[in-house]
Structures are given as structure tokens and as C-alpha cells.
Amino acid sequence: MPKRGGTEVFRITGARQGLADDVRGRQRRYVISMTVRTLSVIAAAVLWNVERHVAIVALALGVLLPYIAVVIANAGRESAPSLPSTFVPAPVRPALGASEPGEGAGGDGPYGRN
């Protein structure tokens, strides 16, 4: 909708998350995944002689988690299923109706018939 100065008003209701916030969130998820991986490798080392089955599961988690963490971190920005239009639509103004003969400039007026 144009304003008096001719500038356009943008609709931000369905705007995406900012790029810096998106990167920060992906970094946070990656650090959390790597922390879980480190803890699982430490648990595998500690439990190797105590509970071998749990240690093998923890070791497998420690091996697979870096790949999963990298895929999640590099997944990219969220997709917006249906973004709203960029501009707010201009209000619809009703059109003037056609004048009937005898009304306004088309009929008999003070200056006779046109």
C-alpha cells in the first residue's frame, strides 16, 4: 500500500528467522551433538570392562553422531511453506457508476442539450 511519500509497506508476518539467529541455532545444535558424542565415547571407555554391550552401543553412538550432527548443521535454512505476498495489497476503491441521461453533464443542463 503506497504511503504519501511513495514508499511501499512490507508485510513481515510470515518472515523467516534472521540469518544470524539461524546460524546461531545450528551452531548450538552442533555443539550439543558433539557434547553427547564426547560423553558417549567416554562412557564406552569407562564401561568397556564392566558392561560390554552398553559400551558397544555408546561407541556406536559416538561413531555415528558426528555424521548426523554435520548433516543437521548443514541442512540450511527452514523452508517457509507459504510465504505471504511481499507487499500489502492496495485497497480496492469502488469505481464510479455510469451516469443516467438527464443527470450530470450528459443531460439537459443550463446550457442546453449536449
C-alpha atoms as a PDB file:
ATOM      1  CA  MET A   1       0.000   0.000   0.000  1.00  0.00           C
ATOM      2  CA  PRO A   2       1.723   3.200  -1.114  1.00  0.00           C
ATOM      3  CA  LYS A   3       2.105   5.859   1.523  1.00  0.00           C
ATOM      4  CA  ARG A   4       2.052   9.579   0.908  1.00  0.00           C
ATOM      5  CA  GLY A   5       5.797   9.672   0.240  1.00  0.00           C
ATOM      6  CA  GLY A   6       5.508   6.926  -2.383  1.00  0.00           C
ATOM      7  CA  THR A   7       7.229   4.267  -0.232  1.00  0.00           C
ATOM      8  CA  GLU A   8       5.833   0.762  -0.001  1.00  0.00           C
ATOM      9  CA  VAL A   9       4.869  -1.013   3.217  1.00  0.00           C
ATOM     10  CA  PHE A  10       6.289  -4.525   3.628  1.00  0.00           C
ATOM     11  CA  ARG A  11       4.416  -7.353   5.324  1.00  0.00           C
ATOM     12  CA  ILE A  12       6.660  -9.232   7.783  1.00  0.00           C
ATOM     13  CA  THR A  13       4.118 -11.515   9.429  1.00  0.00           C
ATOM     14  CA  GLY A  14       5.458 -14.630   7.736  1.00  0.00           C
ATOM     15  CA  ALA A  15       9.099 -13.525   7.576  1.00  0.00           C
ATOM     16  CA  ARG A  16      11.812 -16.082   8.130  1.00  0.00           C
ATOM     17  CA  GLN A  17      14.140 -16.135  11.086  1.00  0.00           C
ATOM     18  CA  GLY A  18      17.149 -13.848  10.660  1.00  0.00           C
ATOM     19  CA  LEU A  19      20.326 -15.332   9.189  1.00  0.00           C
ATOM     20  CA  ALA A  20      22.415 -14.672  12.316  1.00  0.00           C
ATOM     21  CA  ASP A  21      19.776 -16.341  14.520  1.00  0.00           C
ATOM     22  CA  ASP A  22      19.586 -19.302  12.145  1.00  0.00           C
ATOM     23  CA  VAL A  23      23.366 -19.809  12.149  1.00  0.00           C
ATOM     24  CA  ARG A  24      23.500 -19.446  15.937  1.00  0.00           C
ATOM     25  CA  GLY A  25      20.798 -22.106  16.340  1.00  0.00           C
ATOM     26  CA  ARG A  26      22.561 -24.539  14.016  1.00  0.00           C
ATOM     27  CA  GLN A  27      25.871 -23.989  15.859  1.00  0.00           C
ATOM     28  CA  ARG A  28      24.145 -24.647  19.184  1.00  0.00           C
ATOM     29  CA  ARG A  29      22.648 -27.923  17.903  1.00  0.00           C
ATOM     30  CA  TYR A  30      26.058 -28.990  16.577  1.00  0.00           C
ATOM     31  CA  VAL A  31      27.810 -28.265  19.898  1.00  0.00           C
ATOM     32  CA  ILE A  32      25.127 -30.192  21.810  1.00  0.00           C
ATOM     33  CA  SER A  33      25.503 -33.173  19.433  1.00  0.00           C
ATOM     34  CA  MET A  34      29.288 -33.157  19.814  1.00  0.00           C
ATOM     35  CA  THR A  35      28.959 -32.974  23.608  1.00  0.00           C
ATOM     36  CA  VAL A  36      26.693 -36.026  23.582  1.00  0.00           C
ATOM     37  CA  ARG A  37      29.199 -37.777  21.314  1.00  0.00           C
ATOM     38  CA  THR A  38      32.101 -36.997  23.652  1.00  0.00           C
ATOM     39  CA  LEU A  39      30.150 -38.256  26.650  1.00  0.00           C
ATOM     40  CA  SER A  40      29.215 -41.459  24.827  1.00  0.00           C
ATOM     41  CA  VAL A  41      32.861 -42.172  23.873  1.00  0.00           C
ATOM     42  CA  ILE A  42      33.933 -41.575  27.493  1.00  0.00           C
ATOM     43  CA  ALA A  43      31.106 -43.857  28.689  1.00  0.00           C
ATOM     44  CA  ALA A  44      32.247 -46.534  26.227  1.00  0.00           C
ATOM     45  CA  ALA A  45      35.799 -46.358  27.587  1.00  0.00           C
ATOM     46  CA  VAL A  46      34.642 -46.490  31.206  1.00  0.00           C
ATOM     47  CA  LEU A  47      32.117 -49.293  30.693  1.00  0.00           C
ATOM     48  CA  TRP A  48      34.223 -51.480  28.375  1.00  0.00           C
ATOM     49  CA  ASN A  49      35.248 -53.941  31.110  1.00  0.00           C
ATOM     50  CA  VAL A  50      32.076 -53.553  33.180  1.00  0.00           C
ATOM     51  CA  GLU A  51      29.142 -53.729  30.753  1.00  0.00           C
ATOM     52  CA  ARG A  52      30.422 -54.530  27.286  1.00  0.00           C
ATOM     53  CA  HIS A  53      27.005 -54.358  25.500  1.00  0.00           C
ATOM     54  CA  VAL A  54      26.290 -50.855  26.778  1.00  0.00           C
ATOM     55  CA  ALA A  55      29.842 -49.814  25.893  1.00  0.00           C
ATOM     56  CA  ILE A  56      29.403 -51.059  22.305  1.00  0.00           C
ATOM     57  CA  VAL A  57      26.130 -49.114  21.944  1.00  0.00           C
ATOM     58  CA  ALA A  58      27.802 -45.978  23.353  1.00  0.00           C
ATOM     59  CA  LEU A  59      30.737 -46.441  20.995  1.00  0.00           C
ATOM     60  CA  ALA A  60      28.419 -46.859  18.002  1.00  0.00           C
ATOM     61  CA  LEU A  61      26.613 -43.667  19.041  1.00  0.00           C
ATOM     62  CA  GLY A  62      29.994 -41.917  19.290  1.00  0.00           C
ATOM     63  CA  VAL A  63      30.897 -43.055  15.775  1.00  0.00           C
ATOM     64  CA  LEU A  64      27.578 -42.204  14.090  1.00  0.00           C
ATOM     65  CA  LEU A  65      26.755 -38.937  15.840  1.00  0.00           C
ATOM     66  CA  PRO A  66      29.352 -36.725  14.050  1.00  0.00           C
ATOM     67  CA  TYR A  67      27.859 -37.585  10.655  1.00  0.00           C
ATOM     68  CA  ILE A  68      24.329 -36.886  11.893  1.00  0.00           C
ATOM     69  CA  ALA A  69      25.434 -33.635  13.556  1.00  0.00           C
ATOM     70  CA  VAL A  70      27.107 -32.368  10.370  1.00  0.00           C
ATOM     71  CA  VAL A  71      24.076 -33.227   8.246  1.00  0.00           C
ATOM     72  CA  ILE A  72      21.767 -31.403  10.672  1.00  0.00           C
ATOM     73  CA  ALA A  73      24.110 -28.384  10.901  1.00  0.00           C
ATOM     74  CA  ASN A  74      24.383 -28.087   7.115  1.00  0.00           C
ATOM     75  CA  ALA A  75      20.688 -28.662   6.460  1.00  0.00           C
ATOM     76  CA  GLY A  76      20.216 -24.988   5.646  1.00  0.00           C
ATOM     77  CA  ARG A  77      17.515 -22.536   6.496  1.00  0.00           C
ATOM     78  CA  GLU A  78      13.983 -23.552   7.303  1.00  0.00           C
ATOM     79  CA  SER A  79      11.588 -23.644   4.423  1.00  0.00           C
ATOM     80  CA  ALA A  80       8.557 -21.426   4.500  1.00  0.00           C
ATOM     81  CA  PRO A  81       5.635 -23.403   3.056  1.00  0.00           C
ATOM     82  CA  SER A  82       3.581 -20.409   2.044  1.00  0.00           C
ATOM     83  CA  LEU A  83       5.169 -17.022   2.309  1.00  0.00           C
ATOM     84  CA  PRO A  84       2.793 -14.100   2.296  1.00  0.00           C
ATOM     85  CA  SER A  85       2.987 -11.629  -0.519  1.00  0.00           C
ATOM     86  CA  THR A  86       5.772  -9.101  -0.165  1.00  0.00           C
ATOM     87  CA  PHE A  87       3.543  -6.073  -0.283  1.00  0.00           C
ATOM     88  CA  VAL A  88       0.274  -5.293   1.383  1.00  0.00           C
ATOM     89  CA  PRO A  89      -2.343  -5.122  -1.379  1.00  0.00           C
ATOM     90  CA  ALA A  90      -3.724  -1.710  -2.171  1.00  0.00           C
ATOM     91  CA  PRO A  91      -7.294  -1.142  -1.015  1.00  0.00           C
ATOM     92  CA  VAL A  92      -9.903  -1.586  -3.713  1.00  0.00           C
ATOM     93  CA  ARG A  93     -11.750   1.620  -4.425  1.00  0.00           C
ATOM     94  CA  PRO A  94     -15.207   1.398  -5.930  1.00  0.00           C
ATOM     95  CA  ALA A  95     -15.460   2.681  -9.487  1.00  0.00           C
ATOM     96  CA  LEU A  96     -17.810   5.497 -10.333  1.00  0.00           C
ATOM     97  CA  GLY A  97     -21.044   4.310 -11.909  1.00  0.00           C
ATOM     98  CA  ALA A  98     -22.204   5.433 -15.332  1.00  0.00           C
ATOM     99  CA  SER A  99     -24.436   8.481 -15.240  1.00  0.00           C
ATOM    100  CA  GLU A 100     -28.015   8.244 -16.437  1.00  0.00           C
ATOM    101  CA  PRO A 101     -29.239  10.567 -19.210  1.00  0.00           C
ATOM    102  CA  GLY A 102     -30.692  13.627 -17.617  1.00  0.00           C
ATOM    103  CA  GLU A 103     -28.209  13.539 -14.743  1.00  0.00           C
ATOM    104  CA  GLY A 104     -24.961  15.436 -14.583  1.00  0.00           C
ATOM    105  CA  ALA A 105     -23.203  16.613 -17.745  1.00  0.00           C
ATOM    106  CA  GLY A 106     -24.948  14.219 -20.125  1.00  0.00           C
ATOM    107  CA  GLY A 107     -28.498  15.631 -19.832  1.00  0.00           C
ATOM    108  CA  ASP A 108     -30.317  18.899 -20.191  1.00  0.00           C
ATOM    109  CA  GLY A 109     -28.452  21.441 -18.208  1.00  0.00           C
ATOM    110  CA  PRO A 110     -28.315  25.188 -18.057  1.00  0.00           C
ATOM    111  CA  TYR A 111     -26.519  25.296 -21.411  1.00  0.00           C
ATOM    112  CA  GLY A 112     -28.979  23.160 -23.369  1.00  0.00           C
ATOM    113  CA  ARG A 113     -28.584  19.686 -24.776  1.00  0.00           C
ATOM    114  CA  ASN A 114     -25.046  18.322 -25.300  1.00  0.00           C
END
